[in-house]
Amino acid sequence: MTKENNAVLDPQEIAALAAEMGATVANDGANNATRMPELKINTQIDDDEGRTLPRGAFYLKGMDKIAYMDTAILRPLSHTYQYLHYDSQAKRLAAKSVIIPHFGVEAISTNGEIRCGKPKNSELMEMSEEKRERFKDVTCFRQIRGLVSGVGKTADGEEITYENQPVILMCKGSNFMGFNDQFMKVIPRGRNFWDYTAHLTSKRHKNGSVIWYTFEFAPDLKNPVGLDEKVLESIKAIRDAIRGENKRVEEAYRAALRNQSLDHAAISAVEGSLDDDLVEDAA
């Protein structure tokens, strides 16, 4: 990583970019950055060929070769949220929201609703368990896009080195708050999170027969890194990809609203005709 040196870059441009990418500490909350490899934690004992796999190790889903890393270094460049509705019966993505930098932005969705139709948490808490069950397939993901470096080995023992490889982390459930609590909350106020890297490890959890793992973030606060032109171009590529994704979602949202309006107009027309028929029959 380079030493800190931001002097040659436009401060106003950086500030605007940071706000759009959710990089400012004040926010609690590849060419196509929405399709970059996903950094995941392996939970499988072995692969389809029976080779033993290291549980709790990191790997990149979407790469030609899968290598497993015990630890890694992450430099976050974007911190956003997105609601996804996965239809568990049809086994497909039913709807998705725009990607938002914080919850103050309205998460319009491809189905013409907000948050894919999921109520706010405060409203969910007041619902019965039966009513909450209707929204179980709608999940809010914390999305962290950035650069990862590390050394891993494939199941065959081949060593692979990653250096500033673009990745995305999709964090939900027990993994949702880790980045916020362990990284965002400890970064000095007034700084952007891309000024720091984090040492990644995984933590094993067990409840009865259920075993799962969470990301653990240890930011290196003593050695801030520089925002040079190369990293800035990576951030802009992510920004442009997110803008493109959001444009497609916004178009689908407007189309869904138009279809809803047409459906309501058709229903009103039918109801009006039926009312007229009933009036005529009663006369």
C-alpha atoms as a PDB file:
ATOM      1  CA  MET A   1       0.000   0.000   0.000  1.00  0.00           C
ATOM      2  CA  THR A   2       1.177   3.527  -0.711  1.00  0.00           C
ATOM      3  CA  LYS A   3       1.901   6.085   1.975  1.00  0.00           C
ATOM      4  CA  GLU A   4      -0.674   8.760   2.579  1.00  0.00           C
ATOM      5  CA  ASN A   5      -0.563  11.532  -0.043  1.00  0.00           C
ATOM      6  CA  ASN A   6      -3.751  13.195  -1.259  1.00  0.00           C
ATOM      7  CA  ALA A   7      -2.284  16.617  -2.108  1.00  0.00           C
ATOM      8  CA  VAL A   8      -2.565  16.289  -5.918  1.00  0.00           C
ATOM      9  CA  LEU A   9      -6.280  15.429  -5.893  1.00  0.00           C
ATOM     10  CA  ASP A  10      -9.234  17.813  -5.892  1.00  0.00           C
ATOM     11  CA  PRO A  11     -10.632  17.942  -2.321  1.00  0.00           C
ATOM     12  CA  GLN A  12     -14.135  18.922  -3.514  1.00  0.00           C
ATOM     13  CA  GLU A  13     -14.247  16.027  -5.961  1.00  0.00           C
ATOM     14  CA  ILE A  14     -13.099  13.628  -3.239  1.00  0.00           C
ATOM     15  CA  ALA A  15     -15.739  14.927  -0.815  1.00  0.00           C
ATOM     16  CA  ALA A  16     -18.543  14.538  -3.380  1.00  0.00           C
ATOM     17  CA  LEU A  17     -17.318  11.067  -4.287  1.00  0.00           C
ATOM     18  CA  ALA A  18     -17.099  10.045  -0.638  1.00  0.00           C
ATOM     19  CA  ALA A  19     -20.696  11.117   0.025  1.00  0.00           C
ATOM     20  CA  GLU A  20     -21.973   9.145  -2.969  1.00  0.00           C
ATOM     21  CA  MET A  21     -19.976   6.035  -2.076  1.00  0.00           C
ATOM     22  CA  GLY A  22     -20.861   6.011   1.616  1.00  0.00           C
ATOM     23  CA  ALA A  23     -17.205   6.476   2.520  1.00  0.00           C
ATOM     24  CA  THR A  24     -17.528   9.225   5.110  1.00  0.00           C
ATOM     25  CA  VAL A  25     -17.375   8.223   8.727  1.00  0.00           C
ATOM     26  CA  ALA A  26     -20.398  10.387   9.416  1.00  0.00           C
ATOM     27  CA  ASN A  27     -22.540   7.940   7.449  1.00  0.00           C
ATOM     28  CA  ASP A  28     -23.748   5.256   9.808  1.00  0.00           C
ATOM     29  CA  GLY A  29     -24.863   3.569   8.171  1.00  0.00           C
ATOM     30  CA  ALA A  30     -13.773  -4.194 -12.090  1.00  0.00           C
ATOM     31  CA  ASN A  31     -15.326  -2.309 -14.990  1.00  0.00           C
ATOM     32  CA  ASN A  32     -18.668  -3.531 -13.757  1.00  0.00           C
ATOM     33  CA  ALA A  33     -18.437  -3.160  -9.997  1.00  0.00           C
ATOM     34  CA  THR A  34     -21.870  -4.662  -9.410  1.00  0.00           C
ATOM     35  CA  ARG A  35     -20.582  -7.964 -10.844  1.00  0.00           C
ATOM     36  CA  MET A  36     -17.123  -8.125  -9.269  1.00  0.00           C
ATOM     37  CA  PRO A  37     -15.970 -11.330  -7.516  1.00  0.00           C
ATOM     38  CA  GLU A  38     -17.558 -11.876  -4.109  1.00  0.00           C
ATOM     39  CA  LEU A  39     -15.339 -12.390  -1.082  1.00  0.00           C
ATOM     40  CA  LYS A  40     -16.899 -15.217   0.921  1.00  0.00           C
ATOM     41  CA  ILE A  41     -16.082 -17.513   3.839  1.00  0.00           C
ATOM     42  CA  ASN A  42     -15.969 -21.218   3.080  1.00  0.00           C
ATOM     43  CA  THR A  43     -18.301 -23.384   5.177  1.00  0.00           C
ATOM     44  CA  GLN A  44     -17.937 -26.623   3.190  1.00  0.00           C
ATOM     45  CA  ILE A  45     -15.957 -29.610   4.488  1.00  0.00           C
ATOM     46  CA  ASP A  46     -15.039 -30.853   1.008  1.00  0.00           C
ATOM     47  CA  ASP A  47     -15.717 -30.158  -2.665  1.00  0.00           C
ATOM     48  CA  ASP A  48     -17.562 -32.218  -5.286  1.00  0.00           C
ATOM     49  CA  GLU A  49     -14.434 -34.276  -5.901  1.00  0.00           C
ATOM     50  CA  GLY A  50     -14.041 -35.119  -2.216  1.00  0.00           C
ATOM     51  CA  ARG A  51     -11.028 -32.880  -1.607  1.00  0.00           C
ATOM     52  CA  THR A  52     -10.835 -31.428   1.898  1.00  0.00           C
ATOM     53  CA  LEU A  53     -11.493 -27.700   2.114  1.00  0.00           C
ATOM     54  CA  PRO A  54     -10.458 -25.337   4.939  1.00  0.00           C
ATOM     55  CA  ARG A  55     -13.598 -24.194   6.733  1.00  0.00           C
ATOM     56  CA  GLY A  56     -13.504 -20.559   7.760  1.00  0.00           C
ATOM     57  CA  ALA A  57     -11.069 -19.639   4.976  1.00  0.00           C
ATOM     58  CA  PHE A  58     -11.716 -16.804   2.540  1.00  0.00           C
ATOM     59  CA  TYR A  59     -12.239 -17.361  -1.185  1.00  0.00           C
ATOM     60  CA  LEU A  60     -13.369 -15.352  -4.207  1.00  0.00           C
ATOM     61  CA  LYS A  61     -16.557 -16.537  -5.863  1.00  0.00           C
ATOM     62  CA  GLY A  62     -16.535 -15.730  -9.564  1.00  0.00           C
ATOM     63  CA  MET A  63     -12.846 -16.350 -10.271  1.00  0.00           C
ATOM     64  CA  ASP A  64     -11.524 -18.964 -12.720  1.00  0.00           C
ATOM     65  CA  LYS A  65      -9.641 -20.674  -9.887  1.00  0.00           C
ATOM     66  CA  ILE A  66     -10.733 -20.849  -6.258  1.00  0.00           C
ATOM     67  CA  ALA A  67      -7.953 -20.277  -3.729  1.00  0.00           C
ATOM     68  CA  TYR A  68      -8.499 -20.335   0.039  1.00  0.00           C
ATOM     69  CA  MET A  69      -6.883 -17.703   2.294  1.00  0.00           C
ATOM     70  CA  ASP A  70      -6.611 -17.862   6.093  1.00  0.00           C
ATOM     71  CA  THR A  71      -6.349 -14.065   6.262  1.00  0.00           C
ATOM     72  CA  ALA A  72      -6.550 -11.145   3.852  1.00  0.00           C
ATOM     73  CA  ILE A  73      -6.093  -7.381   3.668  1.00  0.00           C
ATOM     74  CA  LEU A  74      -9.125  -5.339   2.579  1.00  0.00           C
ATOM     75  CA  ARG A  75      -9.151  -1.730   1.443  1.00  0.00           C
ATOM     76  CA  PRO A  76     -12.819  -0.655   1.303  1.00  0.00           C
ATOM     77  CA  LEU A  77     -13.770   1.789  -1.456  1.00  0.00           C
ATOM     78  CA  SER A  78     -17.565   1.768  -1.284  1.00  0.00           C
ATOM     79  CA  HIS A  79     -20.059   1.121   1.532  1.00  0.00           C
ATOM     80  CA  THR A  80     -23.690   0.795   0.457  1.00  0.00           C
ATOM     81  CA  TYR A  81     -26.961  -1.059   1.045  1.00  0.00           C
ATOM     82  CA  GLN A  82     -29.384  -2.898  -1.220  1.00  0.00           C
ATOM     83  CA  TYR A  83     -32.630  -4.804  -0.670  1.00  0.00           C
ATOM     84  CA  LEU A  84     -33.014  -8.070  -2.561  1.00  0.00           C
ATOM     85  CA  HIS A  85     -36.162 -10.168  -2.777  1.00  0.00           C
ATOM     86  CA  TYR A  86     -35.280 -13.777  -3.533  1.00  0.00           C
ATOM     87  CA  ASP A  87     -38.306 -15.919  -4.360  1.00  0.00           C
ATOM     88  CA  SER A  88     -37.479 -19.140  -2.507  1.00  0.00           C
ATOM     89  CA  GLN A  89     -40.218 -21.091  -4.270  1.00  0.00           C
ATOM     90  CA  ALA A  90     -39.346 -19.995  -7.799  1.00  0.00           C
ATOM     91  CA  LYS A  91     -35.634 -19.954  -6.860  1.00  0.00           C
ATOM     92  CA  ARG A  92     -34.971 -16.639  -8.576  1.00  0.00           C
ATOM     93  CA  LEU A  93     -34.470 -12.964  -7.818  1.00  0.00           C
ATOM     94  CA  ALA A  94     -37.931 -11.409  -7.794  1.00  0.00           C
ATOM     95  CA  ALA A  95     -37.017  -7.766  -7.130  1.00  0.00           C
ATOM     96  CA  LYS A  96     -34.179  -5.501  -6.062  1.00  0.00           C
ATOM     97  CA  SER A  97     -33.816  -1.936  -4.864  1.00  0.00           C
ATOM     98  CA  VAL A  98     -31.458   0.802  -5.899  1.00  0.00           C
ATOM     99  CA  ILE A  99     -28.095   0.754  -4.150  1.00  0.00           C
ATOM    100  CA  ILE A 100     -28.124   3.419  -1.431  1.00  0.00           C
ATOM    101  CA  PRO A 101     -25.246   5.012   0.556  1.00  0.00           C
ATOM    102  CA  HIS A 102     -27.352   5.326   3.734  1.00  0.00           C
ATOM    103  CA  PHE A 103     -30.912   4.758   4.937  1.00  0.00           C
ATOM    104  CA  GLY A 104     -31.836   8.400   4.453  1.00  0.00           C
ATOM    105  CA  VAL A 105     -32.160   7.615   0.732  1.00  0.00           C
ATOM    106  CA  GLU A 106     -35.416   6.030  -0.443  1.00  0.00           C
ATOM    107  CA  ALA A 107     -34.783   2.480  -1.681  1.00  0.00           C
ATOM    108  CA  ILE A 108     -37.137   2.355  -4.679  1.00  0.00           C
ATOM    109  CA  SER A 109     -37.358  -1.127  -6.194  1.00  0.00           C
ATOM    110  CA  THR A 110     -37.970  -2.881  -9.483  1.00  0.00           C
ATOM    111  CA  ASN A 111     -41.401  -4.064  -8.336  1.00  0.00           C
ATOM    112  CA  GLY A 112     -42.671  -0.497  -7.932  1.00  0.00           C
ATOM    113  CA  GLU A 113     -42.366  -0.537  -4.144  1.00  0.00           C
ATOM    114  CA  ILE A 114     -39.956   0.765  -1.508  1.00  0.00           C
ATOM    115  CA  ARG A 115     -37.410  -1.702  -0.045  1.00  0.00           C
ATOM    116  CA  CYS A 116     -38.956  -4.397  -2.290  1.00  0.00           C
ATOM    117  CA  GLY A 117     -42.132  -4.022  -0.225  1.00  0.00           C
ATOM    118  CA  LYS A 118     -40.499  -4.709   3.143  1.00  0.00           C
ATOM    119  CA  PRO A 119     -41.692  -2.433   5.983  1.00  0.00           C
ATOM    120  CA  LYS A 120     -39.235  -0.535   8.156  1.00  0.00           C
ATOM    121  CA  ASN A 121     -37.784  -2.443  11.101  1.00  0.00           C
ATOM    122  CA  SER A 122     -39.833  -0.382  13.570  1.00  0.00           C
ATOM    123  CA  GLU A 123     -43.008  -1.468  11.771  1.00  0.00           C
ATOM    124  CA  LEU A 124     -41.879  -5.087  11.522  1.00  0.00           C
ATOM    125  CA  MET A 125     -41.310  -5.243  15.267  1.00  0.00           C
ATOM    126  CA  GLU A 126     -44.941  -4.338  15.875  1.00  0.00           C
ATOM    127  CA  MET A 127     -46.233  -7.077  13.552  1.00  0.00           C
ATOM    128  CA  SER A 128     -47.193 -10.584  14.522  1.00  0.00           C
ATOM    129  CA  GLU A 129     -44.762 -13.347  13.642  1.00  0.00           C
ATOM    130  CA  GLU A 130     -47.192 -14.560  10.998  1.00  0.00           C
ATOM    131  CA  LYS A 131     -47.214 -11.176   9.244  1.00  0.00           C
ATOM    132  CA  ARG A 132     -43.433 -10.812   9.484  1.00  0.00           C
ATOM    133  CA  GLU A 133     -43.100 -14.190   7.787  1.00  0.00           C
ATOM    134  CA  ARG A 134     -44.398 -12.623   4.558  1.00  0.00           C
ATOM    135  CA  PHE A 135     -41.234 -10.574   4.246  1.00  0.00           C
ATOM    136  CA  LYS A 136     -38.660 -13.243   5.148  1.00  0.00           C
ATOM    137  CA  ASP A 137     -37.405 -13.477   1.554  1.00  0.00           C
ATOM    138  CA  VAL A 138     -36.583  -9.745   1.412  1.00  0.00           C
ATOM    139  CA  THR A 139     -33.096  -9.078   2.765  1.00  0.00           C
ATOM    140  CA  CYS A 140     -31.116  -5.887   3.233  1.00  0.00           C
ATOM    141  CA  PHE A 141     -27.470  -6.459   2.348  1.00  0.00           C
ATOM    142  CA  ARG A 142     -24.591  -4.282   3.481  1.00  0.00           C
ATOM    143  CA  GLN A 143     -22.366  -4.170   0.406  1.00  0.00           C
ATOM    144  CA  ILE A 144     -18.669  -3.409   0.775  1.00  0.00           C
ATOM    145  CA  ARG A 145     -16.726  -3.022  -2.453  1.00  0.00           C
ATOM    146  CA  GLY A 146     -12.985  -2.697  -2.348  1.00  0.00           C
ATOM    147  CA  LEU A 147      -9.571  -4.181  -3.031  1.00  0.00           C
ATOM    148  CA  VAL A 148      -8.326  -7.373  -1.396  1.00  0.00           C
ATOM    149  CA  SER A 149      -4.790  -8.706  -1.136  1.00  0.00           C
ATOM    150  CA  GLY A 150      -3.642 -12.056   0.156  1.00  0.00           C
ATOM    151  CA  VAL A 151      -2.141 -15.439  -0.629  1.00  0.00           C
ATOM    152  CA  GLY A 152      -4.243 -18.572  -0.935  1.00  0.00           C
ATOM    153  CA  LYS A 153      -4.054 -22.156  -2.093  1.00  0.00           C
ATOM    154  CA  THR A 154      -6.393 -24.123  -4.329  1.00  0.00           C
ATOM    155  CA  ALA A 155      -7.714 -27.552  -3.297  1.00  0.00           C
ATOM    156  CA  ASP A 156      -4.870 -28.997  -5.430  1.00  0.00           C
ATOM    157  CA  GLY A 157      -2.253 -27.009  -3.504  1.00  0.00           C
ATOM    158  CA  GLU A 158      -1.526 -24.367  -6.143  1.00  0.00           C
ATOM    159  CA  GLU A 159      -0.553 -21.045  -4.555  1.00  0.00           C
ATOM    160  CA  ILE A 160      -2.305 -17.936  -5.865  1.00  0.00           C
ATOM    161  CA  THR A 161      -1.473 -14.351  -4.893  1.00  0.00           C
ATOM    162  CA  TYR A 162      -4.065 -11.563  -5.021  1.00  0.00           C
ATOM    163  CA  GLU A 163      -2.874  -7.954  -5.129  1.00  0.00           C
ATOM    164  CA  ASN A 164      -5.559  -5.258  -4.955  1.00  0.00           C
ATOM    165  CA  GLN A 165      -8.143  -7.571  -6.470  1.00  0.00           C
ATOM    166  CA  PRO A 166     -11.564  -5.828  -6.795  1.00  0.00           C
ATOM    167  CA  VAL A 167     -14.175  -7.639  -4.658  1.00  0.00           C
ATOM    168  CA  ILE A 168     -17.563  -7.212  -3.051  1.00  0.00           C
ATOM    169  CA  LEU A 169     -18.700  -8.401   0.394  1.00  0.00           C
ATOM    170  CA  MET A 170     -22.428  -9.116   0.758  1.00  0.00           C
ATOM    171  CA  CYS A 171     -23.138  -8.920   4.480  1.00  0.00           C
ATOM    172  CA  LYS A 172     -26.430  -9.933   6.061  1.00  0.00           C
ATOM    173  CA  GLY A 173     -27.702 -11.497   9.276  1.00  0.00           C
ATOM    174  CA  SER A 174     -24.931 -12.018  11.833  1.00  0.00           C
ATOM    175  CA  ASN A 175     -22.468 -10.471   9.360  1.00  0.00           C
ATOM    176  CA  PHE A 176     -24.463  -7.273   8.884  1.00  0.00           C
ATOM    177  CA  MET A 177     -23.063  -5.140  11.730  1.00  0.00           C
ATOM    178  CA  GLY A 178     -19.429  -6.281  11.831  1.00  0.00           C
ATOM    179  CA  PHE A 179     -18.018  -3.748   9.383  1.00  0.00           C
ATOM    180  CA  ASN A 180     -19.895  -0.892  11.013  1.00  0.00           C
ATOM    181  CA  ASP A 181     -18.960  -1.821  14.587  1.00  0.00           C
ATOM    182  CA  GLN A 182     -15.362  -2.907  14.028  1.00  0.00           C
ATOM    183  CA  PHE A 183     -14.303  -0.565  11.235  1.00  0.00           C
ATOM    184  CA  MET A 184     -16.575   2.444  10.675  1.00  0.00           C
ATOM    185  CA  LYS A 185     -16.970   3.286  14.347  1.00  0.00           C
ATOM    186  CA  VAL A 186     -13.232   3.359  15.046  1.00  0.00           C
ATOM    187  CA  ILE A 187     -12.087   5.389  12.020  1.00  0.00           C
ATOM    188  CA  PRO A 188     -11.307   8.996  13.039  1.00  0.00           C
ATOM    189  CA  ARG A 189     -14.144  11.383  12.314  1.00  0.00           C
ATOM    190  CA  GLY A 190     -13.563  13.536   9.269  1.00  0.00           C
ATOM    191  CA  ARG A 191     -11.715  10.737   7.462  1.00  0.00           C
ATOM    192  CA  ASN A 192     -12.941   8.471   4.663  1.00  0.00           C
ATOM    193  CA  PHE A 193     -12.733   4.745   5.202  1.00  0.00           C
ATOM    194  CA  TRP A 194     -10.672   4.251   2.044  1.00  0.00           C
ATOM    195  CA  ASP A 195      -7.840   5.966   3.927  1.00  0.00           C
ATOM    196  CA  TYR A 196      -7.335   2.699   5.846  1.00  0.00           C
ATOM    197  CA  THR A 197      -6.958  -1.013   5.279  1.00  0.00           C
ATOM    198  CA  ALA A 198      -8.317  -3.804   7.466  1.00  0.00           C
ATOM    199  CA  HIS A 199      -6.823  -7.144   8.403  1.00  0.00           C
ATOM    200  CA  LEU A 200      -9.505  -9.775   7.802  1.00  0.00           C
ATOM    201  CA  THR A 201     -10.013 -12.957   9.783  1.00  0.00           C
ATOM    202  CA  SER A 202     -13.062 -15.152  10.295  1.00  0.00           C
ATOM    203  CA  LYS A 203     -14.776 -16.111  13.539  1.00  0.00           C
ATOM    204  CA  ARG A 204     -16.454 -19.467  14.099  1.00  0.00           C
ATOM    205  CA  HIS A 205     -19.865 -19.647  15.807  1.00  0.00           C
ATOM    206  CA  LYS A 206     -21.753 -22.739  16.927  1.00  0.00           C
ATOM    207  CA  ASN A 207     -25.301 -23.227  18.171  1.00  0.00           C
ATOM    208  CA  GLY A 208     -26.151 -26.879  18.562  1.00  0.00           C
ATOM    209  CA  SER A 209     -25.406 -28.528  15.227  1.00  0.00           C
ATOM    210  CA  VAL A 210     -25.369 -25.221  13.345  1.00  0.00           C
ATOM    211  CA  ILE A 211     -21.957 -23.729  12.565  1.00  0.00           C
ATOM    212  CA  TRP A 212     -21.396 -20.404  10.838  1.00  0.00           C
ATOM    213  CA  TYR A 213     -18.653 -17.830  10.378  1.00  0.00           C
ATOM    214  CA  THR A 214     -18.456 -14.048  10.455  1.00  0.00           C
ATOM    215  CA  PHE A 215     -16.008 -11.526   9.008  1.00  0.00           C
ATOM    216  CA  GLU A 216     -13.744  -9.880  11.579  1.00  0.00           C
ATOM    217  CA  PHE A 217     -12.256  -6.472  10.667  1.00  0.00           C
ATOM    218  CA  ALA A 218      -9.128  -5.058  12.318  1.00  0.00           C
ATOM    219  CA  PRO A 219      -8.350  -1.636  10.796  1.00  0.00           C
ATOM    220  CA  ASP A 220      -4.761  -0.429  10.659  1.00  0.00           C
ATOM    221  CA  LEU A 221      -5.247   3.070  12.093  1.00  0.00           C
ATOM    222  CA  LYS A 222      -1.522   3.765  12.501  1.00  0.00           C
ATOM    223  CA  ASN A 223      -0.744   3.548   8.798  1.00  0.00           C
ATOM    224  CA  PRO A 224      -3.240   5.479   6.647  1.00  0.00           C
ATOM    225  CA  VAL A 225      -2.794   4.850   2.919  1.00  0.00           C
ATOM    226  CA  GLY A 226      -2.717   7.333   0.080  1.00  0.00           C
ATOM    227  CA  LEU A 227      -5.496   8.036  -2.371  1.00  0.00           C
ATOM    228  CA  ASP A 228      -3.584   8.097  -5.649  1.00  0.00           C
ATOM    229  CA  GLU A 229      -4.917   8.377  -9.202  1.00  0.00           C
ATOM    230  CA  LYS A 230      -5.041   4.598  -9.682  1.00  0.00           C
ATOM    231  CA  VAL A 231      -7.183   4.040  -6.584  1.00  0.00           C
ATOM    232  CA  LEU A 232      -9.327   7.057  -7.484  1.00  0.00           C
ATOM    233  CA  GLU A 233     -10.021   5.490 -10.897  1.00  0.00           C
ATOM    234  CA  SER A 234     -11.096   2.271  -9.131  1.00  0.00           C
ATOM    235  CA  ILE A 235     -13.516   4.251  -6.963  1.00  0.00           C
ATOM    236  CA  LYS A 236     -14.918   6.038 -10.018  1.00  0.00           C
ATOM    237  CA  ALA A 237     -15.389   2.705 -11.812  1.00  0.00           C
ATOM    238  CA  ILE A 238     -17.413   1.457  -8.845  1.00  0.00           C
ATOM    239  CA  ARG A 239     -19.402   4.694  -8.779  1.00  0.00           C
ATOM    240  CA  ASP A 240     -20.201   4.452 -12.484  1.00  0.00           C
ATOM    241  CA  ALA A 241     -21.271   0.807 -12.163  1.00  0.00           C
ATOM    242  CA  ILE A 242     -23.558   1.629  -9.233  1.00  0.00           C
ATOM    243  CA  ARG A 243     -25.045   4.535 -11.180  1.00  0.00           C
ATOM    244  CA  GLY A 244     -25.710   2.189 -14.095  1.00  0.00           C
ATOM    245  CA  GLU A 245     -27.340  -0.386 -11.833  1.00  0.00           C
ATOM    246  CA  ASN A 246     -29.493   2.263 -10.181  1.00  0.00           C
ATOM    247  CA  LYS A 247     -30.587   3.664 -13.532  1.00  0.00           C
ATOM    248  CA  ARG A 248     -31.857   0.228 -14.565  1.00  0.00           C
ATOM    249  CA  VAL A 249     -33.688  -0.203 -11.255  1.00  0.00           C
ATOM    250  CA  GLU A 250     -35.227   3.273 -11.509  1.00  0.00           C
ATOM    251  CA  GLU A 251     -36.485   2.522 -15.033  1.00  0.00           C
ATOM    252  CA  ALA A 252     -38.027  -0.749 -13.840  1.00  0.00           C
ATOM    253  CA  TYR A 253     -39.575   1.077 -10.865  1.00  0.00           C
ATOM    254  CA  ARG A 254     -41.255   3.632 -13.123  1.00  0.00           C
ATOM    255  CA  ALA A 255     -42.442   0.894 -15.486  1.00  0.00           C
ATOM    256  CA  ALA A 256     -43.930  -1.043 -12.561  1.00  0.00           C
ATOM    257  CA  LEU A 257     -45.765   2.096 -11.390  1.00  0.00           C
ATOM    258  CA  ARG A 258     -47.169   2.607 -14.890  1.00  0.00           C
ATOM    259  CA  ASN A 259     -48.365  -0.992 -14.985  1.00  0.00           C
ATOM    260  CA  GLN A 260     -49.979  -0.576 -11.578  1.00  0.00           C
ATOM    261  CA  SER A 261     -51.761   2.546 -12.827  1.00  0.00           C
ATOM    262  CA  LEU A 262     -52.996   0.685 -15.912  1.00  0.00           C
ATOM    263  CA  ASP A 263     -54.187  -2.209 -13.748  1.00  0.00           C
ATOM    264  CA  HIS A 264     -56.062   0.168 -11.453  1.00  0.00           C
ATOM    265  CA  ALA A 265     -57.583   1.960 -14.459  1.00  0.00           C
ATOM    266  CA  ALA A 266     -58.709  -1.360 -15.927  1.00  0.00           C
ATOM    267  CA  ILE A 267     -60.228  -2.430 -12.603  1.00  0.00           C
ATOM    268  CA  SER A 268     -61.997   0.927 -12.271  1.00  0.00           C
ATOM    269  CA  ALA A 269     -63.380   0.599 -15.798  1.00  0.00           C
ATOM    270  CA  VAL A 270     -64.693  -2.900 -15.094  1.00  0.00           C
ATOM    271  CA  GLU A 271     -66.160  -1.809 -11.788  1.00  0.00           C
ATOM    272  CA  GLY A 272     -67.784   1.197 -13.497  1.00  0.00           C
ATOM    273  CA  SER A 273     -69.319  -1.014 -16.174  1.00  0.00           C
ATOM    274  CA  LEU A 274     -70.555  -3.427 -13.547  1.00  0.00           C
ATOM    275  CA  ASP A 275     -72.120  -0.566 -11.559  1.00  0.00           C
ATOM    276  CA  ASP A 276     -73.882   0.651 -14.695  1.00  0.00           C
ATOM    277  CA  ASP A 277     -75.219  -2.838 -15.395  1.00  0.00           C
ATOM    278  CA  LEU A 278     -76.497  -3.175 -11.846  1.00  0.00           C
ATOM    279  CA  VAL A 279     -78.235   0.206 -12.094  1.00  0.00           C
ATOM    280  CA  GLU A 280     -79.861  -0.797 -15.365  1.00  0.00           C
ATOM    281  CA  ASP A 281     -80.966  -4.160 -13.920  1.00  0.00           C
ATOM    282  CA  ALA A 282     -82.477  -2.454 -10.888  1.00  0.00           C
ATOM    283  CA  ALA A 283     -84.375   0.121 -12.964  1.00  0.00           C
END
